[in-house]
Full PDB file with SEQRES, HELIX, SHEET, SSBOND, CRYST1, ORIGX, SCALE, CONECT and MASTER records, all heavy atoms in Angstrom:
SEQRES   1 A   32  SER GLN ALA LEU GLY PRO LEU GLU ASN PRO VAL GLU HIS          
SEQRES   2 A   32  GLY GLY THR ARG ALA GLN TYR VAL HIS VAL VAL ALA GLU          
SEQRES   3 A   32  HIS TYR ARG ASP GLU TYR                                      
HELIX    1 AA1 LEU A    4  GLU A    8  1                                   5    
HELIX    2 AA2 ARG A   17  HIS A   27  1                                  11    
CRYST1    1.000    1.000    1.000  90.00  90.00  90.00 P 1           1          
ORIGX1      1.000000  0.000000  0.000000        0.00000                         
ORIGX2      0.000000  1.000000  0.000000        0.00000                         
ORIGX3      0.000000  0.000000  1.000000        0.00000                         
SCALE1      1.000000  0.000000  0.000000        0.00000                         
SCALE2      0.000000  1.000000  0.000000        0.00000                         
SCALE3      0.000000  0.000000  1.000000        0.00000                         
ATOM      1  N   SER A   1     -51.119  45.251-105.704  1.00  0.00           N  
ATOM      2  CA  SER A   1     -50.807  46.549-106.306  1.00  0.00           C  
ATOM      3  C   SER A   1     -51.364  47.685-105.454  1.00  0.00           C  
ATOM      4  O   SER A   1     -50.765  48.769-105.367  1.00  0.00           O  
ATOM      5  CB  SER A   1     -51.334  46.633-107.742  1.00  0.00           C  
ATOM      6  OG  SER A   1     -52.735  46.481-107.794  1.00  0.00           O  
ATOM      7  N   GLN A   2     -52.507  47.432-104.788  1.00  0.00           N  
ATOM      8  CA  GLN A   2     -53.031  48.445-103.867  1.00  0.00           C  
ATOM      9  C   GLN A   2     -52.066  48.683-102.721  1.00  0.00           C  
ATOM     10  O   GLN A   2     -51.834  49.830-102.316  1.00  0.00           O  
ATOM     11  CB  GLN A   2     -54.393  47.989-103.329  1.00  0.00           C  
ATOM     12  CG  GLN A   2     -55.080  48.997-102.418  1.00  0.00           C  
ATOM     13  CD  GLN A   2     -54.546  48.994-100.993  1.00  0.00           C  
ATOM     14  OE1 GLN A   2     -54.190  47.942-100.465  1.00  0.00           O  
ATOM     15  NE2 GLN A   2     -54.488  50.151-100.364  1.00  0.00           N  
ATOM     16  N   ALA A   3     -51.471  47.609-102.198  1.00  0.00           N  
ATOM     17  CA  ALA A   3     -50.585  47.744-101.038  1.00  0.00           C  
ATOM     18  C   ALA A   3     -49.363  48.594-101.351  1.00  0.00           C  
ATOM     19  O   ALA A   3     -48.793  49.224-100.441  1.00  0.00           O  
ATOM     20  CB  ALA A   3     -50.153  46.357-100.569  1.00  0.00           C  
ATOM     21  N   LEU A   4     -48.949  48.645-102.604  1.00  0.00           N  
ATOM     22  CA  LEU A   4     -47.748  49.390-102.963  1.00  0.00           C  
ATOM     23  C   LEU A   4     -47.989  50.898-103.034  1.00  0.00           C  
ATOM     24  O   LEU A   4     -47.070  51.682-102.798  1.00  0.00           O  
ATOM     25  CB  LEU A   4     -47.222  48.903-104.317  1.00  0.00           C  
ATOM     26  CG  LEU A   4     -46.821  47.427-104.384  1.00  0.00           C  
ATOM     27  CD1 LEU A   4     -46.359  47.067-105.788  1.00  0.00           C  
ATOM     28  CD2 LEU A   4     -45.743  47.111-103.363  1.00  0.00           C  
ATOM     29  N   GLY A   5     -49.205  51.302-103.375  1.00  0.00           N  
ATOM     30  CA  GLY A   5     -49.487  52.725-103.554  1.00  0.00           C  
ATOM     31  C   GLY A   5     -49.154  53.585-102.350  1.00  0.00           C  
ATOM     32  O   GLY A   5     -48.406  54.572-102.462  1.00  0.00           O  
ATOM     33  N   PRO A   6     -49.681  53.261-101.162  1.00  0.00           N  
ATOM     34  CA  PRO A   6     -49.398  54.080 -99.990  1.00  0.00           C  
ATOM     35  C   PRO A   6     -47.920  54.141 -99.622  1.00  0.00           C  
ATOM     36  O   PRO A   6     -47.454  55.132 -99.052  1.00  0.00           O  
ATOM     37  CB  PRO A   6     -50.210  53.402 -98.881  1.00  0.00           C  
ATOM     38  CG  PRO A   6     -51.315  52.704 -99.602  1.00  0.00           C  
ATOM     39  CD  PRO A   6     -50.702  52.237-100.877  1.00  0.00           C  
ATOM     40  N   LEU A   7     -47.155  53.103 -99.947  1.00  0.00           N  
ATOM     41  CA  LEU A   7     -45.749  53.068 -99.556  1.00  0.00           C  
ATOM     42  C   LEU A   7     -44.957  54.206-100.194  1.00  0.00           C  
ATOM     43  O   LEU A   7     -44.033  54.758 -99.581  1.00  0.00           O  
ATOM     44  CB  LEU A   7     -45.132  51.723 -99.922  1.00  0.00           C  
ATOM     45  CG  LEU A   7     -45.659  50.507 -99.158  1.00  0.00           C  
ATOM     46  CD1 LEU A   7     -45.045  49.224 -99.707  1.00  0.00           C  
ATOM     47  CD2 LEU A   7     -45.367  50.628 -97.665  1.00  0.00           C  
ATOM     48  N   GLU A   8     -45.310  54.577-101.425  1.00  0.00           N  
ATOM     49  CA  GLU A   8     -44.598  55.657-102.112  1.00  0.00           C  
ATOM     50  C   GLU A   8     -45.385  56.961-102.147  1.00  0.00           C  
ATOM     51  O   GLU A   8     -44.911  57.951-102.701  1.00  0.00           O  
ATOM     52  CB  GLU A   8     -44.252  55.227-103.534  1.00  0.00           C  
ATOM     53  CG  GLU A   8     -43.176  54.142-103.585  1.00  0.00           C  
ATOM     54  CD  GLU A   8     -42.656  53.868-104.985  1.00  0.00           C  
ATOM     55  OE1 GLU A   8     -43.490  53.661-105.899  1.00  0.00           O  
ATOM     56  OE2 GLU A   8     -41.430  53.852-105.153  1.00  0.00           O  
ATOM     57  N   ASN A   9     -46.581  56.957-101.555  1.00  0.00           N  
ATOM     58  CA  ASN A   9     -47.361  58.198-101.504  1.00  0.00           C  
ATOM     59  C   ASN A   9     -46.692  59.174-100.539  1.00  0.00           C  
ATOM     60  O   ASN A   9     -46.360  58.809 -99.406  1.00  0.00           O  
ATOM     61  CB  ASN A   9     -48.785  57.883-101.049  1.00  0.00           C  
ATOM     62  CG  ASN A   9     -49.691  59.094-101.098  1.00  0.00           C  
ATOM     63  OD1 ASN A   9     -49.543  60.024-100.314  1.00  0.00           O  
ATOM     64  ND2 ASN A   9     -50.630  59.088-102.016  1.00  0.00           N  
ATOM     65  N   PRO A  10     -46.494  60.440-100.932  1.00  0.00           N  
ATOM     66  CA  PRO A  10     -45.730  61.371-100.094  1.00  0.00           C  
ATOM     67  C   PRO A  10     -46.366  61.714 -98.759  1.00  0.00           C  
ATOM     68  O   PRO A  10     -45.667  62.142 -97.834  1.00  0.00           O  
ATOM     69  CB  PRO A  10     -45.601  62.618-100.979  1.00  0.00           C  
ATOM     70  CG  PRO A  10     -46.720  62.509-101.969  1.00  0.00           C  
ATOM     71  CD  PRO A  10     -46.898  61.048-102.216  1.00  0.00           C  
ATOM     72  N   VAL A  11     -47.695  61.527 -98.618  1.00  0.00           N  
ATOM     73  CA  VAL A  11     -48.331  61.850 -97.340  1.00  0.00           C  
ATOM     74  C   VAL A  11     -48.817  60.617 -96.589  1.00  0.00           C  
ATOM     75  O   VAL A  11     -49.384  60.748 -95.502  1.00  0.00           O  
ATOM     76  CB  VAL A  11     -49.506  62.844 -97.524  1.00  0.00           C  
ATOM     77  CG1 VAL A  11     -49.011  64.173 -98.030  1.00  0.00           C  
ATOM     78  CG2 VAL A  11     -50.577  62.265 -98.444  1.00  0.00           C  
ATOM     79  N   GLU A  12     -48.595  59.437 -97.140  1.00  0.00           N  
ATOM     80  CA  GLU A  12     -48.955  58.211 -96.422  1.00  0.00           C  
ATOM     81  C   GLU A  12     -47.689  57.616 -95.782  1.00  0.00           C  
ATOM     82  O   GLU A  12     -47.302  58.019 -94.695  1.00  0.00           O  
ATOM     83  CB  GLU A  12     -49.684  57.249 -97.356  1.00  0.00           C  
ATOM     84  CG  GLU A  12     -51.042  57.825 -97.792  1.00  0.00           C  
ATOM     85  CD  GLU A  12     -51.866  56.868 -98.613  1.00  0.00           C  
ATOM     86  OE1 GLU A  12     -52.159  55.766 -98.107  1.00  0.00           O  
ATOM     87  OE2 GLU A  12     -52.227  57.206 -99.761  1.00  0.00           O  
ATOM     88  N   HIS A  13     -46.994  56.731 -96.447  1.00  0.00           N  
ATOM     89  CA  HIS A  13     -45.731  56.225 -95.906  1.00  0.00           C  
ATOM     90  C   HIS A  13     -44.556  57.124 -96.285  1.00  0.00           C  
ATOM     91  O   HIS A  13     -43.590  57.227 -95.538  1.00  0.00           O  
ATOM     92  CB  HIS A  13     -45.473  54.805 -96.388  1.00  0.00           C  
ATOM     93  CG  HIS A  13     -46.431  53.797 -95.837  1.00  0.00           C  
ATOM     94  ND1 HIS A  13     -46.056  52.793 -94.974  1.00  0.00           N  
ATOM     95  CD2 HIS A  13     -47.775  53.631 -96.014  1.00  0.00           C  
ATOM     96  CE1 HIS A  13     -47.106  52.060 -94.649  1.00  0.00           C  
ATOM     97  NE2 HIS A  13     -48.165  52.546 -95.275  1.00  0.00           N  
ATOM     98  N   GLY A  14     -44.638  57.733 -97.454  1.00  0.00           N  
ATOM     99  CA  GLY A  14     -43.674  58.750 -97.842  1.00  0.00           C  
ATOM    100  C   GLY A  14     -42.281  58.263 -98.174  1.00  0.00           C  
ATOM    101  O   GLY A  14     -41.356  59.077 -98.269  1.00  0.00           O  
ATOM    102  N   GLY A  15     -42.090  56.963 -98.345  1.00  0.00           N  
ATOM    103  CA  GLY A  15     -40.762  56.438 -98.620  1.00  0.00           C  
ATOM    104  C   GLY A  15     -40.560  56.098-100.079  1.00  0.00           C  
ATOM    105  O   GLY A  15     -41.331  56.504-100.952  1.00  0.00           O  
ATOM    106  N   THR A  16     -39.504  55.343-100.355  1.00  0.00           N  
ATOM    107  CA  THR A  16     -39.185  54.943-101.717  1.00  0.00           C  
ATOM    108  C   THR A  16     -38.962  53.442-101.781  1.00  0.00           C  
ATOM    109  O   THR A  16     -38.617  52.805-100.781  1.00  0.00           O  
ATOM    110  CB  THR A  16     -37.919  55.648-102.226  1.00  0.00           C  
ATOM    111  OG1 THR A  16     -36.791  55.200-101.451  1.00  0.00           O  
ATOM    112  CG2 THR A  16     -38.047  57.155-102.110  1.00  0.00           C  
ATOM    113  N   ARG A  17     -39.099  52.907-102.981  1.00  0.00           N  
ATOM    114  CA  ARG A  17     -38.977  51.455-103.118  1.00  0.00           C  
ATOM    115  C   ARG A  17     -37.565  50.965-102.805  1.00  0.00           C  
ATOM    116  O   ARG A  17     -37.401  49.864-102.268  1.00  0.00           O  
ATOM    117  CB  ARG A  17     -39.440  51.007-104.498  1.00  0.00           C  
ATOM    118  CG  ARG A  17     -38.675  51.551-105.673  1.00  0.00           C  
ATOM    119  CD  ARG A  17     -39.348  51.181-107.005  1.00  0.00           C  
ATOM    120  NE  ARG A  17     -40.692  51.756-107.088  1.00  0.00           N  
ATOM    121  CZ  ARG A  17     -41.505  51.583-108.133  1.00  0.00           C  
ATOM    122  NH1 ARG A  17     -41.109  50.841-109.167  1.00  0.00           N  
ATOM    123  NH2 ARG A  17     -42.696  52.124-108.149  1.00  0.00           N  
ATOM    124  N   ALA A  18     -36.548  51.778-103.092  1.00  0.00           N  
ATOM    125  CA  ALA A  18     -35.190  51.360-102.746  1.00  0.00           C  
ATOM    126  C   ALA A  18     -35.035  51.243-101.232  1.00  0.00           C  
ATOM    127  O   ALA A  18     -34.399  50.307-100.735  1.00  0.00           O  
ATOM    128  CB  ALA A  18     -34.177  52.353-103.309  1.00  0.00           C  
ATOM    129  N   GLN A  19     -35.614  52.176-100.496  1.00  0.00           N  
ATOM    130  CA  GLN A  19     -35.566  52.107 -99.031  1.00  0.00           C  
ATOM    131  C   GLN A  19     -36.188  50.810 -98.533  1.00  0.00           C  
ATOM    132  O   GLN A  19     -35.625  50.123 -97.671  1.00  0.00           O  
ATOM    133  CB  GLN A  19     -36.325  53.294 -98.432  1.00  0.00           C  
ATOM    134  CG  GLN A  19     -36.510  53.209 -96.928  1.00  0.00           C  
ATOM    135  CD  GLN A  19     -37.570  54.170 -96.397  1.00  0.00           C  
ATOM    136  OE1 GLN A  19     -37.993  55.081 -97.112  1.00  0.00           O  
ATOM    137  NE2 GLN A  19     -38.010  53.974 -95.179  1.00  0.00           N  
ATOM    138  N   TYR A  20     -37.331  50.448 -99.071  1.00  0.00           N  
ATOM    139  CA  TYR A  20     -38.044  49.264 -98.601  1.00  0.00           C  
ATOM    140  C   TYR A  20     -37.285  47.981 -98.952  1.00  0.00           C  
ATOM    141  O   TYR A  20     -37.289  47.021 -98.176  1.00  0.00           O  
ATOM    142  CB  TYR A  20     -39.451  49.236 -99.186  1.00  0.00           C  
ATOM    143  CG  TYR A  20     -40.246  50.480 -98.872  1.00  0.00           C  
ATOM    144  CD1 TYR A  20     -41.036  51.097 -99.836  1.00  0.00           C  
ATOM    145  CD2 TYR A  20     -40.183  51.063 -97.603  1.00  0.00           C  
ATOM    146  CE1 TYR A  20     -41.757  52.248 -99.550  1.00  0.00           C  
ATOM    147  CE2 TYR A  20     -40.895  52.210 -97.319  1.00  0.00           C  
ATOM    148  CZ  TYR A  20     -41.684  52.808 -98.290  1.00  0.00           C  
ATOM    149  OH  TYR A  20     -42.384  53.952 -98.001  1.00  0.00           O  
ATOM    150  N   VAL A  21     -36.625  47.981-100.099  1.00  0.00           N  
ATOM    151  CA  VAL A  21     -35.836  46.810-100.475  1.00  0.00           C  
ATOM    152  C   VAL A  21     -34.655  46.640 -99.516  1.00  0.00           C  
ATOM    153  O   VAL A  21     -34.316  45.520 -99.111  1.00  0.00           O  
ATOM    154  CB  VAL A  21     -35.374  46.935-101.937  1.00  0.00           C  
ATOM    155  CG1 VAL A  21     -34.391  45.824-102.290  1.00  0.00           C  
ATOM    156  CG2 VAL A  21     -36.582  46.872-102.878  1.00  0.00           C  
ATOM    157  N   HIS A  22     -34.057  47.748 -99.117  1.00  0.00           N  
ATOM    158  CA  HIS A  22     -32.977  47.681 -98.132  1.00  0.00           C  
ATOM    159  C   HIS A  22     -33.500  47.149 -96.799  1.00  0.00           C  
ATOM    160  O   HIS A  22     -32.816  46.357 -96.125  1.00  0.00           O  
ATOM    161  CB  HIS A  22     -32.334  49.050 -97.950  1.00  0.00           C  
ATOM    162  CG  HIS A  22     -31.320  49.396 -98.994  1.00  0.00           C  
ATOM    163  ND1 HIS A  22     -30.073  48.808 -99.053  1.00  0.00           N  
ATOM    164  CD2 HIS A  22     -31.372  50.272-100.041  1.00  0.00           C  
ATOM    165  CE1 HIS A  22     -29.395  49.311-100.073  1.00  0.00           C  
ATOM    166  NE2 HIS A  22     -30.159  50.201-100.695  1.00  0.00           N  
ATOM    167  N   VAL A  23     -34.689  47.567 -96.391  1.00  0.00           N  
ATOM    168  CA  VAL A  23     -35.276  47.075 -95.132  1.00  0.00           C  
ATOM    169  C   VAL A  23     -35.470  45.564 -95.208  1.00  0.00           C  
ATOM    170  O   VAL A  23     -35.155  44.829 -94.261  1.00  0.00           O  
ATOM    171  CB  VAL A  23     -36.616  47.781 -94.834  1.00  0.00           C  
ATOM    172  CG1 VAL A  23     -37.350  47.099 -93.676  1.00  0.00           C  
ATOM    173  CG2 VAL A  23     -36.380  49.254 -94.489  1.00  0.00           C  
ATOM    174  N   VAL A  24     -35.975  45.092 -96.331  1.00  0.00           N  
ATOM    175  CA  VAL A  24     -36.175  43.646 -96.493  1.00  0.00           C  
ATOM    176  C   VAL A  24     -34.837  42.914 -96.429  1.00  0.00           C  
ATOM    177  O   VAL A  24     -34.716  41.878 -95.755  1.00  0.00           O  
ATOM    178  CB  VAL A  24     -36.902  43.352 -97.824  1.00  0.00           C  
ATOM    179  CG1 VAL A  24     -36.842  41.867 -98.160  1.00  0.00           C  
ATOM    180  CG2 VAL A  24     -38.352  43.806 -97.739  1.00  0.00           C  
ATOM    181  N   ALA A  25     -33.823  43.447 -97.100  1.00  0.00           N  
ATOM    182  CA  ALA A  25     -32.518  42.797 -97.103  1.00  0.00           C  
ATOM    183  C   ALA A  25     -31.901  42.744 -95.708  1.00  0.00           C  
ATOM    184  O   ALA A  25     -31.231  41.771 -95.350  1.00  0.00           O  
ATOM    185  CB  ALA A  25     -31.584  43.526 -98.067  1.00  0.00           C  
ATOM    186  N   GLU A  26     -32.157  43.773 -94.909  1.00  0.00           N  
ATOM    187  CA  GLU A  26     -31.547  43.861 -93.581  1.00  0.00           C  
ATOM    188  C   GLU A  26     -32.318  43.088 -92.511  1.00  0.00           C  
ATOM    189  O   GLU A  26     -31.720  42.601 -91.547  1.00  0.00           O  
ATOM    190  CB  GLU A  26     -31.457  45.330 -93.174  1.00  0.00           C  
ATOM    191  CG  GLU A  26     -30.474  46.138 -94.025  1.00  0.00           C  
ATOM    192  CD  GLU A  26     -30.709  47.640 -93.925  1.00  0.00           C  
ATOM    193  OE1 GLU A  26     -31.561  48.060 -93.097  1.00  0.00           O  
ATOM    194  OE2 GLU A  26     -30.064  48.388 -94.694  1.00  0.00           O  
ATOM    195  N   HIS A  27     -33.629  42.962 -92.687  1.00  0.00           N  
ATOM    196  CA  HIS A  27     -34.449  42.427 -91.594  1.00  0.00           C  
ATOM    197  C   HIS A  27     -35.279  41.193 -91.969  1.00  0.00           C  
ATOM    198  O   HIS A  27     -35.762  40.495 -91.069  1.00  0.00           O  
ATOM    199  CB  HIS A  27     -35.390  43.513 -91.077  1.00  0.00           C  
ATOM    200  CG  HIS A  27     -34.674  44.725 -90.562  1.00  0.00           C  
ATOM    201  ND1 HIS A  27     -34.042  44.753 -89.343  1.00  0.00           N  
ATOM    202  CD2 HIS A  27     -34.499  45.957 -91.125  1.00  0.00           C  
ATOM    203  CE1 HIS A  27     -33.497  45.958 -89.155  1.00  0.00           C  
ATOM    204  NE2 HIS A  27     -33.757  46.698 -90.220  1.00  0.00           N  
ATOM    205  N   TYR A  28     -35.457  40.921 -93.262  1.00  0.00           N  
ATOM    206  CA  TYR A  28     -36.334  39.816 -93.673  1.00  0.00           C  
ATOM    207  C   TYR A  28     -35.693  38.939 -94.748  1.00  0.00           C  
ATOM    208  O   TYR A  28     -36.397  38.253 -95.480  1.00  0.00           O  
ATOM    209  CB  TYR A  28     -37.655  40.381 -94.218  1.00  0.00           C  
ATOM    210  CG  TYR A  28     -38.452  41.204 -93.231  1.00  0.00           C  
ATOM    211  CD1 TYR A  28     -38.449  42.605 -93.302  1.00  0.00           C  
ATOM    212  CD2 TYR A  28     -39.201  40.600 -92.223  1.00  0.00           C  
ATOM    213  CE1 TYR A  28     -39.183  43.362 -92.398  1.00  0.00           C  
ATOM    214  CE2 TYR A  28     -39.930  41.356 -91.313  1.00  0.00           C  
ATOM    215  CZ  TYR A  28     -39.913  42.739 -91.410  1.00  0.00           C  
ATOM    216  OH  TYR A  28     -40.636  43.492 -90.509  1.00  0.00           O  
ATOM    217  N   ARG A  29     -34.395  38.938 -94.827  1.00  0.00           N  
ATOM    218  CA  ARG A  29     -33.726  38.246 -95.925  1.00  0.00           C  
ATOM    219  C   ARG A  29     -34.127  36.774 -96.019  1.00  0.00           C  
ATOM    220  O   ARG A  29     -34.491  36.275 -97.089  1.00  0.00           O  
ATOM    221  CB  ARG A  29     -32.209  38.380 -95.795  1.00  0.00           C  
ATOM    222  CG  ARG A  29     -31.431  37.659 -96.903  1.00  0.00           C  
ATOM    223  CD  ARG A  29     -29.936  37.872 -96.778  1.00  0.00           C  
ATOM    224  NE  ARG A  29     -29.579  39.258 -97.053  1.00  0.00           N  
ATOM    225  CZ  ARG A  29     -29.340  39.739 -98.270  1.00  0.00           C  
ATOM    226  NH1 ARG A  29     -29.415  38.922 -99.329  1.00  0.00           N  
ATOM    227  NH2 ARG A  29     -29.010  40.990 -98.449  1.00  0.00           N  
ATOM    228  N   ASP A  30     -34.025  36.065 -94.924  1.00  0.00           N  
ATOM    229  CA  ASP A  30     -34.293  34.622 -94.965  1.00  0.00           C  
ATOM    230  C   ASP A  30     -35.730  34.337 -95.386  1.00  0.00           C  
ATOM    231  O   ASP A  30     -35.989  33.469 -96.242  1.00  0.00           O  
ATOM    232  CB  ASP A  30     -34.020  33.987 -93.602  1.00  0.00           C  
ATOM    233  CG  ASP A  30     -32.541  33.949 -93.267  1.00  0.00           C  
ATOM    234  OD1 ASP A  30     -31.713  34.152 -94.174  1.00  0.00           O  
ATOM    235  OD2 ASP A  30     -32.210  33.735 -92.080  1.00  0.00           O  
ATOM    236  N   GLU A  31     -36.694  35.059 -94.772  1.00  0.00           N  
ATOM    237  CA  GLU A  31     -38.103  34.833 -95.105  1.00  0.00           C  
ATOM    238  C   GLU A  31     -38.376  35.175 -96.562  1.00  0.00           C  
ATOM    239  O   GLU A  31     -39.094  34.457 -97.265  1.00  0.00           O  
ATOM    240  CB  GLU A  31     -39.009  35.667 -94.197  1.00  0.00           C  
ATOM    241  CG  GLU A  31     -38.901  35.347 -92.722  1.00  0.00           C  
ATOM    242  CD  GLU A  31     -37.966  36.315 -92.008  1.00  0.00           C  
ATOM    243  OE1 GLU A  31     -36.859  36.584 -92.551  1.00  0.00           O  
ATOM    244  OE2 GLU A  31     -38.337  36.791 -90.922  1.00  0.00           O  
ATOM    245  N   TYR A  32     -37.803  36.298 -97.019  1.00  0.00           N  
ATOM    246  CA  TYR A  32     -38.026  36.715 -98.397  1.00  0.00           C  
ATOM    247  C   TYR A  32     -37.454  35.694 -99.374  1.00  0.00           C  
ATOM    248  O   TYR A  32     -38.135  35.257-100.318  1.00  0.00           O  
ATOM    249  CB  TYR A  32     -37.400  38.092 -98.649  1.00  0.00           C  
ATOM    250  CG  TYR A  32     -37.554  38.558-100.069  1.00  0.00           C  
ATOM    251  CD1 TYR A  32     -38.643  39.341-100.446  1.00  0.00           C  
ATOM    252  CD2 TYR A  32     -36.637  38.192-101.070  1.00  0.00           C  
ATOM    253  CE1 TYR A  32     -38.812  39.744-101.770  1.00  0.00           C  
ATOM    254  CE2 TYR A  32     -36.795  38.584-102.379  1.00  0.00           C  
ATOM    255  CZ  TYR A  32     -37.885  39.363-102.730  1.00  0.00           C  
ATOM    256  OH  TYR A  32     -38.060  39.754-104.045  1.00  0.00           O  
TER     257      TYR A  32                                                      
MASTER        0    0    0    2    0    0    0    6  256    1    0    3          
END                                                                             
């Protein structure tokens, strides 16, 4: 749960969970 906080923090990673899910689908599908 700690690892998720910075991913959506506007001044840390600044992204959104939908963006990250798309990244996983495009680049890590088999492993996931």
